[in-house]
Amino acid sequence: MDTTLCPDCGALAEVQWRDVMESTDGPIEHAKIMCVSGHWFLLPVEHLVQPTPTPVERRRSPARWG
């Protein structure tokens, strides 16, 4: 699953599809995104924001007695 951030609320959003659309400046790749809050946008892929991963807690290994 390709994800980004919602430009409206900043929540995690799924890229539902991508397509190249013609423009006066030439073809531009666009993506339709929808966030968990229900907002959806059709925007150029250059405007997609890469979400930063949340840090994963490290589990401590049990102490070894030796």
Protein backbone atom coordinates (compact mmCIF):
# COMPACT_ATOMS: atom_id res chain seq x y z
CA MET A 1 0.00 0.00 0.00
CA ASP A 2 1.31 3.42 -0.99
CA THR A 3 0.71 6.03 1.72
CA THR A 4 1.12 9.78 2.13
CA LEU A 5 -0.19 12.50 4.42
CA CYS A 6 -3.50 14.31 3.92
CA PRO A 7 -2.90 17.92 2.80
CA ASP A 8 -5.97 19.01 4.79
CA CYS A 9 -5.66 17.33 8.20
CA GLY A 10 -2.22 15.66 8.15
CA ALA A 11 -3.66 12.17 8.79
CA LEU A 12 -2.36 9.07 7.03
CA ALA A 13 -3.79 8.76 3.51
CA GLU A 14 -3.80 5.93 0.98
CA VAL A 15 -2.84 6.52 -2.64
CA GLN A 16 -5.78 4.90 -4.43
CA TRP A 17 -4.49 5.28 -7.96
CA ARG A 18 -1.99 7.15 -10.14
CA ASP A 19 -2.32 8.25 -13.75
CA VAL A 20 -0.59 10.58 -16.18
CA MET A 21 -2.72 13.51 -17.30
CA GLU A 22 -2.00 15.90 -20.13
CA SER A 23 -1.46 19.58 -19.40
CA THR A 24 -0.33 22.63 -21.34
CA ASP A 25 3.17 22.04 -19.91
CA GLY A 26 3.18 18.37 -20.93
CA PRO A 27 2.13 15.16 -19.15
CA ILE A 28 2.02 15.25 -15.33
CA GLU A 29 1.56 12.22 -13.08
CA HIS A 30 -1.35 12.65 -10.65
CA ALA A 31 -2.59 10.58 -7.72
CA LYS A 32 -5.96 10.22 -6.03
CA ILE A 33 -5.57 9.98 -2.27
CA MET A 34 -8.04 9.40 0.56
CA CYS A 35 -7.26 9.85 4.26
CA VAL A 36 -8.69 8.04 7.26
CA SER A 37 -10.92 11.08 7.96
CA GLY A 38 -12.58 10.76 4.54
CA HIS A 39 -10.91 13.68 2.75
CA TRP A 40 -9.88 12.94 -0.83
CA PHE A 41 -7.74 14.83 -3.31
CA LEU A 42 -6.51 14.52 -6.88
CA LEU A 43 -3.09 16.14 -7.03
CA PRO A 44 0.27 15.93 -8.79
CA VAL A 45 2.50 13.25 -7.26
CA GLU A 46 5.19 15.88 -6.63
CA HIS A 47 2.87 17.22 -3.87
CA LEU A 48 2.71 13.89 -2.01
CA VAL A 49 4.41 13.90 1.39
CA GLN A 50 6.32 10.83 2.54
CA PRO A 51 5.06 9.91 6.02
CA THR A 52 7.79 9.50 8.62
CA PRO A 53 7.75 6.13 10.36
CA THR A 54 7.01 6.15 14.07
CA PRO A 55 9.82 4.79 16.21
CA VAL A 56 9.36 1.21 17.33
CA GLU A 57 10.06 0.49 20.96
CA ARG A 58 12.99 -1.79 21.46
CA ARG A 59 12.31 -4.76 23.64
CA ARG A 60 14.89 -5.46 26.23
CA SER A 61 16.32 -8.91 26.10
CA PRO A 62 16.17 -10.71 29.44
CA ALA A 63 19.30 -10.37 31.52
CA ARG A 64 21.49 -13.42 31.36
CA TRP A 65 23.03 -14.70 34.49
CA GLY A 66 26.36 -16.21 33.99
